[in-house]
Amino acid sequence: MARVSASERRRQLVEAAFRVIGAEGFAAATTRRICAEAGAPVAAFHYCFASKEELLVELTEATVAALVDAQAGGVLVRGSVAESLRATLHEYWATVEADPNREVVLTGLTQYALHEPSLAGVAARQYEAYHRTARLTLESLAAGCGVSWTLPVTELARMLVVVTDGVVIAWLVDRDGDAARAALDAFADALSGFAVSAVSHR
């Protein structure tokens, strides 16, 4: 049997933890269950990770990175700011519906990290990545549409994260995609009210 490198085994265990948490929840994600899902002996877990918390940190960072990558370059410039925001949010929403387990895992990881001292800072880094992605999205959209924002982009980015968070959680509960898209459209229209022509705003 070919020997599995430590880095490859770590990757396998992280992916196994993602599948277990997404399908069965955090309570089921014991070290033994994760190893069984990965097809690895329990001893391999302790060789690769000092603790389950260390694995969860790596899982959070990998899952957030995958989410950010999925949204990279997702700014779609259309006829108006509102239309561009709608198109961009619909593109984002397609990534949510394509991988609902990722959203389940990320939401669960956030809640778990807030109550686990050994994971202090994980949730903060998670949301720093969300805010950074939202800010870059709004800056790119403003440049593409030739507008400026009348509020600091950091404030608008926070609004964007708060709204999309809420829409995602509601959708995870009711799976009403039409209602989710309608909420995003309404927010896009409201957010566009903070945009003015870059020329007139000088």
N, C-alpha and C. Protein backbone atom coordinates (compact mmCIF):
# COMPACT_ATOMS: atom_id res chain seq x y z
N MET A 1 0.84 -1.20 0.00
CA MET A 1 0.00 0.00 0.00
C MET A 1 0.88 1.25 0.00
N ALA A 2 0.59 2.19 -0.89
CA ALA A 2 1.39 3.40 -0.99
C ALA A 2 1.26 4.24 0.28
N ARG A 3 2.37 4.80 0.70
CA ARG A 3 2.37 5.64 1.89
C ARG A 3 1.74 6.99 1.56
N VAL A 4 0.87 7.48 2.44
CA VAL A 4 0.22 8.77 2.25
C VAL A 4 1.02 9.83 2.99
N SER A 5 1.39 10.90 2.30
CA SER A 5 2.17 11.97 2.94
C SER A 5 1.32 12.68 3.98
N ALA A 6 1.99 13.34 4.91
CA ALA A 6 1.28 14.07 5.97
C ALA A 6 0.41 15.17 5.38
N SER A 7 0.91 15.88 4.37
CA SER A 7 0.13 16.97 3.78
C SER A 7 -1.11 16.44 3.08
N GLU A 8 -0.97 15.31 2.40
CA GLU A 8 -2.12 14.71 1.72
C GLU A 8 -3.13 14.18 2.73
N ARG A 9 -2.62 13.60 3.82
CA ARG A 9 -3.53 13.09 4.85
C ARG A 9 -4.27 14.24 5.52
N ARG A 10 -3.59 15.36 5.74
CA ARG A 10 -4.26 16.53 6.32
C ARG A 10 -5.40 16.98 5.41
N ARG A 11 -5.11 17.03 4.11
CA ARG A 11 -6.14 17.45 3.15
C ARG A 11 -7.32 16.49 3.20
N GLN A 12 -7.05 15.19 3.25
CA GLN A 12 -8.12 14.20 3.29
C GLN A 12 -8.98 14.36 4.55
N LEU A 13 -8.34 14.61 5.67
CA LEU A 13 -9.07 14.75 6.93
C LEU A 13 -9.91 16.03 6.95
N VAL A 14 -9.37 17.11 6.40
CA VAL A 14 -10.13 18.36 6.33
C VAL A 14 -11.36 18.18 5.44
N GLU A 15 -11.17 17.55 4.30
CA GLU A 15 -12.30 17.31 3.40
C GLU A 15 -13.33 16.37 4.03
N ALA A 16 -12.85 15.39 4.78
CA ALA A 16 -13.76 14.47 5.46
C ALA A 16 -14.56 15.20 6.53
N ALA A 17 -13.91 16.09 7.27
CA ALA A 17 -14.61 16.88 8.29
C ALA A 17 -15.69 17.74 7.65
N PHE A 18 -15.38 18.32 6.50
CA PHE A 18 -16.36 19.13 5.78
C PHE A 18 -17.59 18.29 5.44
N ARG A 19 -17.37 17.09 4.92
CA ARG A 19 -18.49 16.24 4.53
C ARG A 19 -19.32 15.81 5.74
N VAL A 20 -18.65 15.45 6.82
CA VAL A 20 -19.37 14.98 8.01
C VAL A 20 -20.20 16.12 8.61
N ILE A 21 -19.59 17.29 8.77
CA ILE A 21 -20.31 18.43 9.36
C ILE A 21 -21.47 18.84 8.47
N GLY A 22 -21.23 18.89 7.16
CA GLY A 22 -22.29 19.29 6.24
C GLY A 22 -23.47 18.34 6.23
N ALA A 23 -23.19 17.05 6.37
CA ALA A 23 -24.26 16.05 6.28
C ALA A 23 -24.88 15.70 7.62
N GLU A 24 -24.06 15.73 8.69
CA GLU A 24 -24.53 15.20 9.97
C GLU A 24 -24.45 16.19 11.13
N GLY A 25 -23.78 17.33 10.93
CA GLY A 25 -23.69 18.34 11.98
C GLY A 25 -22.45 18.18 12.84
N PHE A 26 -22.21 19.18 13.68
CA PHE A 26 -21.00 19.21 14.50
C PHE A 26 -20.96 18.08 15.52
N ALA A 27 -22.11 17.72 16.06
CA ALA A 27 -22.13 16.68 17.09
C ALA A 27 -21.57 15.37 16.57
N ALA A 28 -21.75 15.12 15.28
CA ALA A 28 -21.27 13.87 14.69
C ALA A 28 -19.79 13.91 14.33
N ALA A 29 -19.21 15.11 14.32
CA ALA A 29 -17.84 15.27 13.82
C ALA A 29 -16.80 14.94 14.89
N THR A 30 -16.83 13.71 15.37
CA THR A 30 -15.81 13.25 16.30
C THR A 30 -14.55 12.89 15.52
N THR A 31 -13.46 12.80 16.23
CA THR A 31 -12.21 12.40 15.58
C THR A 31 -12.36 11.05 14.89
N ARG A 32 -13.00 10.11 15.58
CA ARG A 32 -13.18 8.77 15.02
C ARG A 32 -14.05 8.81 13.76
N ARG A 33 -15.12 9.60 13.80
CA ARG A 33 -16.03 9.67 12.64
C ARG A 33 -15.34 10.32 11.45
N ILE A 34 -14.56 11.37 11.70
CA ILE A 34 -13.83 12.04 10.62
C ILE A 34 -12.83 11.09 9.98
N CYS A 35 -12.12 10.33 10.82
CA CYS A 35 -11.14 9.38 10.29
C CYS A 35 -11.82 8.28 9.47
N ALA A 36 -12.97 7.82 9.95
CA ALA A 36 -13.70 6.80 9.20
C ALA A 36 -14.12 7.33 7.83
N GLU A 37 -14.57 8.57 7.80
CA GLU A 37 -14.98 9.19 6.53
C GLU A 37 -13.79 9.33 5.59
N ALA A 38 -12.63 9.62 6.15
CA ALA A 38 -11.42 9.80 5.34
C ALA A 38 -10.76 8.48 4.98
N GLY A 39 -11.21 7.38 5.61
CA GLY A 39 -10.56 6.09 5.38
C GLY A 39 -9.17 6.05 5.97
N ALA A 40 -9.01 6.73 7.11
CA ALA A 40 -7.69 6.82 7.74
C ALA A 40 -7.75 6.27 9.16
N PRO A 41 -6.66 5.70 9.66
CA PRO A 41 -6.64 5.25 11.05
C PRO A 41 -6.66 6.45 11.99
N VAL A 42 -7.21 6.25 13.18
CA VAL A 42 -7.29 7.35 14.15
C VAL A 42 -5.90 7.88 14.48
N ALA A 43 -4.91 7.01 14.50
CA ALA A 43 -3.54 7.44 14.80
C ALA A 43 -3.05 8.48 13.79
N ALA A 44 -3.54 8.38 12.55
CA ALA A 44 -3.12 9.34 11.52
C ALA A 44 -3.60 10.74 11.85
N PHE A 45 -4.77 10.83 12.48
CA PHE A 45 -5.30 12.15 12.86
C PHE A 45 -4.33 12.83 13.82
N HIS A 46 -3.92 12.11 14.84
CA HIS A 46 -3.06 12.71 15.86
C HIS A 46 -1.64 12.96 15.34
N TYR A 47 -1.29 12.29 14.26
CA TYR A 47 0.00 12.56 13.62
C TYR A 47 -0.07 13.87 12.84
N CYS A 48 -1.25 14.15 12.25
CA CYS A 48 -1.41 15.33 11.39
C CYS A 48 -1.84 16.59 12.14
N PHE A 49 -2.63 16.41 13.19
CA PHE A 49 -3.19 17.56 13.92
C PHE A 49 -2.98 17.38 15.42
N ALA A 50 -2.65 18.47 16.09
CA ALA A 50 -2.47 18.42 17.54
C ALA A 50 -3.81 18.25 18.25
N SER A 51 -4.89 18.69 17.61
CA SER A 51 -6.22 18.60 18.22
C SER A 51 -7.28 18.74 17.13
N LYS A 52 -8.51 18.45 17.50
CA LYS A 52 -9.61 18.65 16.55
C LYS A 52 -9.78 20.13 16.25
N GLU A 53 -9.50 20.98 17.24
CA GLU A 53 -9.63 22.42 17.03
C GLU A 53 -8.67 22.90 15.94
N GLU A 54 -7.46 22.33 15.91
CA GLU A 54 -6.51 22.71 14.86
C GLU A 54 -7.06 22.35 13.48
N LEU A 55 -7.68 21.18 13.38
CA LEU A 55 -8.31 20.79 12.12
C LEU A 55 -9.42 21.77 11.75
N LEU A 56 -10.23 22.19 12.73
CA LEU A 56 -11.34 23.09 12.44
C LEU A 56 -10.85 24.46 11.98
N VAL A 57 -9.72 24.91 12.52
CA VAL A 57 -9.13 26.16 12.05
C VAL A 57 -8.77 26.04 10.57
N GLU A 58 -8.11 24.94 10.23
CA GLU A 58 -7.72 24.73 8.83
C GLU A 58 -8.95 24.57 7.94
N LEU A 59 -9.97 23.88 8.44
CA LEU A 59 -11.20 23.72 7.68
C LEU A 59 -11.86 25.07 7.42
N THR A 60 -11.93 25.92 8.44
CA THR A 60 -12.53 27.24 8.27
C THR A 60 -11.78 28.05 7.23
N GLU A 61 -10.47 28.08 7.34
CA GLU A 61 -9.68 28.89 6.41
C GLU A 61 -9.79 28.36 4.98
N ALA A 62 -9.80 27.04 4.83
CA ALA A 62 -9.90 26.45 3.49
C ALA A 62 -11.28 26.71 2.89
N THR A 63 -12.33 26.62 3.71
CA THR A 63 -13.69 26.80 3.21
C THR A 63 -13.94 28.26 2.85
N VAL A 64 -13.46 29.18 3.69
CA VAL A 64 -13.60 30.60 3.38
C VAL A 64 -12.83 30.94 2.11
N ALA A 65 -11.62 30.41 1.97
CA ALA A 65 -10.83 30.67 0.77
C ALA A 65 -11.55 30.17 -0.48
N ALA A 66 -12.19 29.00 -0.39
CA ALA A 66 -12.92 28.46 -1.53
C ALA A 66 -14.11 29.35 -1.88
N LEU A 67 -14.78 29.88 -0.85
CA LEU A 67 -15.92 30.76 -1.08
C LEU A 67 -15.47 32.05 -1.74
N VAL A 68 -14.38 32.63 -1.25
CA VAL A 68 -13.86 33.88 -1.82
C VAL A 68 -13.42 33.65 -3.27
N ASP A 69 -12.75 32.52 -3.52
CA ASP A 69 -12.32 32.21 -4.89
C ASP A 69 -13.51 32.06 -5.83
N ALA A 70 -14.59 31.46 -5.32
CA ALA A 70 -15.78 31.26 -6.15
C ALA A 70 -16.41 32.59 -6.55
N GLN A 71 -16.20 33.62 -5.72
CA GLN A 71 -16.79 34.93 -5.98
C GLN A 71 -15.83 35.88 -6.67
N ALA A 72 -14.58 35.47 -6.83
CA ALA A 72 -13.57 36.34 -7.44
C ALA A 72 -13.96 36.68 -8.88
N GLY A 73 -13.81 37.94 -9.21
CA GLY A 73 -14.13 38.36 -10.57
C GLY A 73 -15.60 38.32 -10.88
N GLY A 74 -16.43 38.35 -9.82
CA GLY A 74 -17.86 38.20 -10.03
C GLY A 74 -18.62 39.49 -10.26
N VAL A 75 -17.92 40.61 -10.46
CA VAL A 75 -18.60 41.88 -10.70
C VAL A 75 -19.08 41.92 -12.15
N LEU A 76 -20.37 42.09 -12.32
CA LEU A 76 -20.97 42.12 -13.66
C LEU A 76 -21.54 43.51 -13.91
N VAL A 77 -20.92 44.26 -14.80
CA VAL A 77 -21.36 45.62 -15.10
C VAL A 77 -22.46 45.57 -16.16
N ARG A 78 -23.59 46.16 -15.83
CA ARG A 78 -24.73 46.22 -16.73
C ARG A 78 -25.08 47.69 -17.00
N GLY A 79 -26.30 47.97 -17.42
CA GLY A 79 -26.65 49.32 -17.83
C GLY A 79 -26.62 50.35 -16.73
N SER A 80 -27.03 50.00 -15.52
CA SER A 80 -27.07 50.94 -14.41
C SER A 80 -26.43 50.30 -13.19
N VAL A 81 -26.25 51.12 -12.14
CA VAL A 81 -25.67 50.58 -10.91
C VAL A 81 -26.59 49.51 -10.32
N ALA A 82 -27.90 49.80 -10.30
CA ALA A 82 -28.85 48.83 -9.74
C ALA A 82 -28.82 47.53 -10.53
N GLU A 83 -28.80 47.63 -11.85
CA GLU A 83 -28.77 46.42 -12.68
C GLU A 83 -27.46 45.65 -12.47
N SER A 84 -26.37 46.39 -12.32
CA SER A 84 -25.08 45.75 -12.10
C SER A 84 -25.04 45.05 -10.74
N LEU A 85 -25.59 45.70 -9.73
CA LEU A 85 -25.65 45.08 -8.40
C LEU A 85 -26.52 43.83 -8.43
N ARG A 86 -27.65 43.93 -9.11
CA ARG A 86 -28.53 42.76 -9.20
C ARG A 86 -27.82 41.60 -9.88
N ALA A 87 -27.17 41.88 -11.00
CA ALA A 87 -26.48 40.82 -11.74
C ALA A 87 -25.36 40.21 -10.91
N THR A 88 -24.62 41.06 -10.20
CA THR A 88 -23.51 40.58 -9.37
C THR A 88 -24.01 39.74 -8.22
N LEU A 89 -25.10 40.17 -7.58
CA LEU A 89 -25.66 39.40 -6.47
C LEU A 89 -26.27 38.09 -6.95
N HIS A 90 -26.85 38.09 -8.14
CA HIS A 90 -27.38 36.84 -8.69
C HIS A 90 -26.24 35.86 -8.98
N GLU A 91 -25.12 36.40 -9.45
CA GLU A 91 -23.96 35.55 -9.70
C GLU A 91 -23.46 34.95 -8.38
N TYR A 92 -23.40 35.78 -7.35
CA TYR A 92 -23.03 35.29 -6.02
C TYR A 92 -24.01 34.22 -5.55
N TRP A 93 -25.30 34.49 -5.76
CA TRP A 93 -26.31 33.56 -5.26
C TRP A 93 -26.20 32.20 -5.94
N ALA A 94 -25.79 32.19 -7.19
CA ALA A 94 -25.61 30.92 -7.89
C ALA A 94 -24.55 30.06 -7.20
N THR A 95 -23.51 30.70 -6.63
CA THR A 95 -22.48 29.92 -5.92
C THR A 95 -23.03 29.36 -4.61
N VAL A 96 -23.98 30.07 -4.00
CA VAL A 96 -24.61 29.59 -2.76
C VAL A 96 -25.46 28.36 -3.05
N GLU A 97 -26.32 28.48 -4.05
CA GLU A 97 -27.21 27.37 -4.38
C GLU A 97 -26.45 26.15 -4.92
N ALA A 98 -25.30 26.41 -5.53
CA ALA A 98 -24.51 25.31 -6.08
C ALA A 98 -23.85 24.47 -4.99
N ASP A 99 -23.64 25.06 -3.81
CA ASP A 99 -22.94 24.34 -2.74
C ASP A 99 -23.52 24.71 -1.38
N PRO A 100 -24.76 24.30 -1.11
CA PRO A 100 -25.38 24.67 0.18
C PRO A 100 -24.65 24.10 1.38
N ASN A 101 -24.00 22.95 1.23
CA ASN A 101 -23.26 22.38 2.36
C ASN A 101 -22.15 23.30 2.84
N ARG A 102 -21.53 24.01 1.89
CA ARG A 102 -20.48 24.96 2.28
C ARG A 102 -21.05 26.02 3.21
N GLU A 103 -22.26 26.50 2.90
CA GLU A 103 -22.88 27.52 3.74
C GLU A 103 -23.26 26.95 5.10
N VAL A 104 -23.74 25.72 5.12
CA VAL A 104 -24.08 25.07 6.39
C VAL A 104 -22.84 24.95 7.27
N VAL A 105 -21.75 24.52 6.66
CA VAL A 105 -20.50 24.33 7.41
C VAL A 105 -19.97 25.66 7.91
N LEU A 106 -19.95 26.68 7.06
CA LEU A 106 -19.42 27.98 7.47
C LEU A 106 -20.25 28.59 8.59
N THR A 107 -21.57 28.49 8.48
CA THR A 107 -22.43 29.02 9.54
C THR A 107 -22.17 28.28 10.85
N GLY A 108 -22.06 26.97 10.77
CA GLY A 108 -21.80 26.18 11.97
C GLY A 108 -20.44 26.47 12.57
N LEU A 109 -19.43 26.65 11.72
CA LEU A 109 -18.09 26.95 12.20
C LEU A 109 -18.05 28.29 12.93
N THR A 110 -18.78 29.27 12.40
CA THR A 110 -18.83 30.58 13.06
C THR A 110 -19.39 30.45 14.47
N GLN A 111 -20.52 29.77 14.59
CA GLN A 111 -21.16 29.61 15.90
C GLN A 111 -20.26 28.82 16.85
N TYR A 112 -19.64 27.79 16.34
CA TYR A 112 -18.76 26.96 17.18
C TYR A 112 -17.56 27.78 17.67
N ALA A 113 -16.97 28.56 16.77
CA ALA A 113 -15.79 29.34 17.12
C ALA A 113 -16.10 30.39 18.18
N LEU A 114 -17.30 30.94 18.16
CA LEU A 114 -17.68 31.97 19.13
C LEU A 114 -17.79 31.41 20.55
N HIS A 115 -17.95 30.10 20.67
CA HIS A 115 -18.13 29.49 21.98
C HIS A 115 -16.95 28.61 22.40
N GLU A 116 -15.89 28.62 21.60
CA GLU A 116 -14.75 27.76 21.88
C GLU A 116 -13.49 28.62 22.01
N PRO A 117 -12.99 28.82 23.24
CA PRO A 117 -11.82 29.69 23.45
C PRO A 117 -10.61 29.31 22.60
N SER A 118 -10.44 28.03 22.34
CA SER A 118 -9.27 27.60 21.56
C SER A 118 -9.36 28.04 20.10
N LEU A 119 -10.54 28.49 19.68
CA LEU A 119 -10.71 28.96 18.31
C LEU A 119 -10.87 30.48 18.25
N ALA A 120 -10.41 31.15 19.30
CA ALA A 120 -10.50 32.61 19.35
C ALA A 120 -9.82 33.21 18.12
N GLY A 121 -10.50 34.11 17.48
CA GLY A 121 -9.94 34.77 16.31
C GLY A 121 -10.35 34.15 14.99
N VAL A 122 -10.81 32.91 15.01
CA VAL A 122 -11.17 32.24 13.75
C VAL A 122 -12.37 32.93 13.09
N ALA A 123 -13.41 33.19 13.89
CA ALA A 123 -14.60 33.86 13.35
C ALA A 123 -14.25 35.27 12.86
N ALA A 124 -13.36 35.95 13.61
CA ALA A 124 -12.96 37.30 13.21
C ALA A 124 -12.25 37.27 11.86
N ARG A 125 -11.35 36.32 11.66
CA ARG A 125 -10.65 36.22 10.38
C ARG A 125 -11.61 35.84 9.26
N GLN A 126 -12.59 35.01 9.59
CA GLN A 126 -13.60 34.63 8.60
C GLN A 126 -14.34 35.86 8.09
N TYR A 127 -14.76 36.72 9.02
CA TYR A 127 -15.53 37.89 8.60
C TYR A 127 -14.65 38.99 8.01
N GLU A 128 -13.40 39.03 8.38
CA GLU A 128 -12.47 39.94 7.71
C GLU A 128 -12.39 39.61 6.23
N ALA A 129 -12.36 38.31 5.92
CA ALA A 129 -12.31 37.89 4.52
C ALA A 129 -13.60 38.27 3.80
N TYR A 130 -14.75 38.09 4.46
CA TYR A 130 -16.02 38.48 3.86
C TYR A 130 -16.06 39.98 3.58
N HIS A 131 -15.66 40.78 4.57
CA HIS A 131 -15.70 42.24 4.41
C HIS A 131 -14.74 42.70 3.31
N ARG A 132 -13.57 42.08 3.26
CA ARG A 132 -12.60 42.44 2.23
C ARG A 132 -13.15 42.13 0.84
N THR A 133 -13.77 40.97 0.69
CA THR A 133 -14.35 40.59 -0.60
C THR A 133 -15.48 41.54 -0.99
N ALA A 134 -16.33 41.90 -0.02
CA ALA A 134 -17.43 42.82 -0.30
C ALA A 134 -16.90 44.19 -0.69
N ARG A 135 -15.86 44.66 0.01
CA ARG A 135 -15.29 45.97 -0.31
C ARG A 135 -14.71 45.99 -1.72
N LEU A 136 -13.95 44.95 -2.07
CA LEU A 136 -13.37 44.88 -3.41
C LEU A 136 -14.45 44.81 -4.48
N THR A 137 -15.53 44.10 -4.18
CA THR A 137 -16.65 44.00 -5.13
C THR A 137 -17.26 45.38 -5.38
N LEU A 138 -17.50 46.12 -4.30
CA LEU A 138 -18.12 47.45 -4.45
C LEU A 138 -17.18 48.43 -5.13
N GLU A 139 -15.90 48.34 -4.84
CA GLU A 139 -14.94 49.22 -5.50
C GLU A 139 -14.86 48.92 -7.00
N SER A 140 -14.86 47.64 -7.34
CA SER A 140 -14.81 47.26 -8.76
C SER A 140 -16.07 47.68 -9.48
N LEU A 141 -17.20 47.52 -8.81
CA LEU A 141 -18.47 47.89 -9.43
C LEU A 141 -18.54 49.40 -9.65
N ALA A 142 -18.07 50.18 -8.68
CA ALA A 142 -18.07 51.64 -8.83
C ALA A 142 -17.19 52.06 -10.00
N ALA A 143 -16.02 51.44 -10.11
CA ALA A 143 -15.12 51.77 -11.22
C ALA A 143 -15.74 51.40 -12.56
N GLY A 144 -16.38 50.23 -12.61
CA GLY A 144 -16.97 49.78 -13.86
C GLY A 144 -18.17 50.61 -14.29
N CYS A 145 -18.91 51.12 -13.32
CA CYS A 145 -20.11 51.91 -13.63
C CYS A 145 -19.84 53.41 -13.69
N GLY A 146 -18.63 53.82 -13.33
CA GLY A 146 -18.30 55.24 -13.35
C GLY A 146 -19.02 56.03 -12.27
N VAL A 147 -19.12 55.43 -11.07
CA VAL A 147 -19.80 56.11 -9.97
C VAL A 147 -18.89 56.17 -8.75
N SER A 148 -19.32 56.98 -7.79
CA SER A 148 -18.68 57.02 -6.47
C SER A 148 -19.74 56.70 -5.44
N TRP A 149 -19.30 56.19 -4.30
CA TRP A 149 -20.23 55.90 -3.21
C TRP A 149 -20.30 57.10 -2.27
N THR A 150 -21.50 57.43 -1.81
CA THR A 150 -21.67 58.58 -0.93
C THR A 150 -21.42 58.24 0.54
N LEU A 151 -21.29 56.97 0.84
CA LEU A 151 -20.88 56.52 2.17
C LEU A 151 -19.54 55.80 2.03
N PRO A 152 -18.74 55.74 3.10
CA PRO A 152 -17.49 54.99 3.03
C PRO A 152 -17.75 53.56 2.57
N VAL A 153 -16.90 53.08 1.68
CA VAL A 153 -17.12 51.76 1.11
C VAL A 153 -17.05 50.68 2.19
N THR A 154 -16.31 50.93 3.27
CA THR A 154 -16.25 49.94 4.35
C THR A 154 -17.61 49.78 5.03
N GLU A 155 -18.36 50.89 5.15
CA GLU A 155 -19.71 50.80 5.74
C GLU A 155 -20.65 50.05 4.81
N LEU A 156 -20.57 50.35 3.53
CA LEU A 156 -21.44 49.67 2.56
C LEU A 156 -21.09 48.18 2.47
N ALA A 157 -19.79 47.87 2.57
CA ALA A 157 -19.37 46.47 2.53
C ALA A 157 -19.94 45.71 3.72
N ARG A 158 -19.95 46.36 4.88
CA ARG A 158 -20.52 45.71 6.06
C ARG A 158 -22.01 45.46 5.87
N MET A 159 -22.71 46.44 5.29
CA MET A 159 -24.13 46.25 4.99
C MET A 159 -24.33 45.06 4.06
N LEU A 160 -23.48 44.96 3.06
CA LEU A 160 -23.59 43.88 2.08
C LEU A 160 -23.40 42.52 2.75
N VAL A 161 -22.42 42.43 3.64
CA VAL A 161 -22.17 41.16 4.34
C VAL A 161 -23.35 40.82 5.25
N VAL A 162 -23.86 41.81 5.98
CA VAL A 162 -24.97 41.56 6.89
C VAL A 162 -26.20 41.06 6.13
N VAL A 163 -26.52 41.71 5.02
CA VAL A 163 -27.71 41.32 4.26
C VAL A 163 -27.54 39.94 3.63
N THR A 164 -26.40 39.70 3.00
CA THR A 164 -26.22 38.39 2.36
C THR A 164 -26.18 37.27 3.41
N ASP A 165 -25.59 37.54 4.57
CA ASP A 165 -25.62 36.56 5.66
C ASP A 165 -27.06 36.19 6.01
N GLY A 166 -27.89 37.21 6.20
CA GLY A 166 -29.28 36.96 6.58
C GLY A 166 -30.05 36.21 5.52
N VAL A 167 -29.83 36.57 4.26
CA VAL A 167 -30.52 35.90 3.16
C VAL A 167 -30.10 34.43 3.09
N VAL A 168 -28.81 34.18 3.26
CA VAL A 168 -28.31 32.80 3.21
C VAL A 168 -28.92 31.97 4.32
N ILE A 169 -28.91 32.48 5.55
CA ILE A 169 -29.44 31.71 6.68
C ILE A 169 -30.93 31.42 6.49
N ALA A 170 -31.69 32.44 6.05
CA ALA A 170 -33.12 32.22 5.81
C ALA A 170 -33.33 31.16 4.74
N TRP A 171 -32.50 31.19 3.69
CA TRP A 171 -32.64 30.21 2.61
C TRP A 171 -32.27 28.81 3.08
N LEU A 172 -31.27 28.70 3.95
CA LEU A 172 -30.91 27.38 4.47
C LEU A 172 -32.07 26.76 5.23
N VAL A 173 -32.92 27.61 5.81
CA VAL A 173 -34.08 27.12 6.56
C VAL A 173 -35.23 26.76 5.62
N ASP A 174 -35.57 27.67 4.69
CA ASP A 174 -36.78 27.43 3.89
C ASP A 174 -36.52 27.01 2.45
N ARG A 175 -35.28 27.16 1.96
CA ARG A 175 -34.89 26.81 0.59
C ARG A 175 -35.79 27.47 -0.46
N ASP A 176 -36.24 28.68 -0.15
CA ASP A 176 -37.06 29.44 -1.10
C ASP A 176 -36.15 30.35 -1.91
N GLY A 177 -35.66 29.83 -3.04
CA GLY A 177 -34.72 30.58 -3.86
C GLY A 177 -35.32 31.84 -4.45
N ASP A 178 -36.60 31.79 -4.82
CA ASP A 178 -37.25 32.97 -5.39
C ASP A 178 -37.29 34.11 -4.37
N ALA A 179 -37.63 33.78 -3.13
CA ALA A 179 -37.68 34.80 -2.08
C ALA A 179 -36.29 35.36 -1.81
N ALA A 180 -35.28 34.50 -1.85
CA ALA A 180 -33.91 34.96 -1.61
C ALA A 180 -33.47 35.93 -2.70
N ARG A 181 -33.74 35.58 -3.95
CA ARG A 181 -33.35 36.47 -5.05
C ARG A 181 -34.13 37.78 -5.01
N ALA A 182 -35.41 37.73 -4.61
CA ALA A 182 -36.20 38.95 -4.50
C ALA A 182 -35.62 39.87 -3.42
N ALA A 183 -35.18 39.28 -2.31
CA ALA A 183 -34.58 40.08 -1.24
C ALA A 183 -33.27 40.71 -1.71
N LEU A 184 -32.47 39.96 -2.45
CA LEU A 184 -31.22 40.51 -2.97
C LEU A 184 -31.48 41.62 -3.98
N ASP A 185 -32.50 41.46 -4.81
CA ASP A 185 -32.85 42.50 -5.77
C ASP A 185 -33.27 43.79 -5.05
N ALA A 186 -34.08 43.64 -4.01
CA ALA A 186 -34.53 44.82 -3.25
C ALA A 186 -33.34 45.52 -2.60
N PHE A 187 -32.41 44.73 -2.09
CA PHE A 187 -31.22 45.33 -1.48
C PHE A 187 -30.36 46.01 -2.53
N ALA A 188 -30.23 45.40 -3.70
CA ALA A 188 -29.45 46.02 -4.78
C ALA A 188 -30.03 47.38 -5.14
N ASP A 189 -31.34 47.47 -5.22
CA ASP A 189 -31.98 48.74 -5.54
C ASP A 189 -31.71 49.78 -4.45
N ALA A 190 -31.78 49.34 -3.19
CA ALA A 190 -31.53 50.26 -2.08
C ALA A 190 -30.07 50.71 -2.05
N LEU A 191 -29.16 49.76 -2.26
CA LEU A 191 -27.74 50.07 -2.22
C LEU A 191 -27.35 51.02 -3.35
N SER A 192 -27.99 50.87 -4.49
CA SER A 192 -27.66 51.74 -5.63
C SER A 192 -27.97 53.20 -5.33
N GLY A 193 -28.83 53.45 -4.34
CA GLY A 193 -29.14 54.83 -3.96
C GLY A 193 -27.97 55.56 -3.33
N PHE A 194 -26.93 54.82 -2.96
CA PHE A 194 -25.73 55.44 -2.39
C PHE A 194 -24.67 55.72 -3.45
N ALA A 195 -25.03 55.54 -4.72
CA ALA A 195 -24.08 55.77 -5.81
C ALA A 195 -24.45 57.05 -6.56
N VAL A 196 -23.43 57.84 -6.88
CA VAL A 196 -23.63 59.04 -7.69
C VAL A 196 -22.56 59.05 -8.78
N SER A 197 -22.81 59.80 -9.82
CA SER A 197 -21.84 59.90 -10.90
C SER A 197 -20.49 60.35 -10.36
N ALA A 198 -19.44 59.66 -10.77
CA ALA A 198 -18.10 60.02 -10.29
C ALA A 198 -17.73 61.43 -10.71
N VAL A 199 -18.23 61.88 -11.86
CA VAL A 199 -17.92 63.23 -12.35
C VAL A 199 -18.58 64.28 -11.46
N SER A 200 -19.86 64.07 -11.14
CA SER A 200 -20.59 65.06 -10.34
C SER A 200 -20.16 65.05 -8.89
N HIS A 201 -19.49 63.97 -8.46
CA HIS A 201 -19.12 63.84 -7.05
C HIS A 201 -17.73 64.41 -6.78
N ARG A 202 -17.05 64.89 -7.80
CA ARG A 202 -15.69 65.43 -7.60
C ARG A 202 -15.73 66.76 -6.85
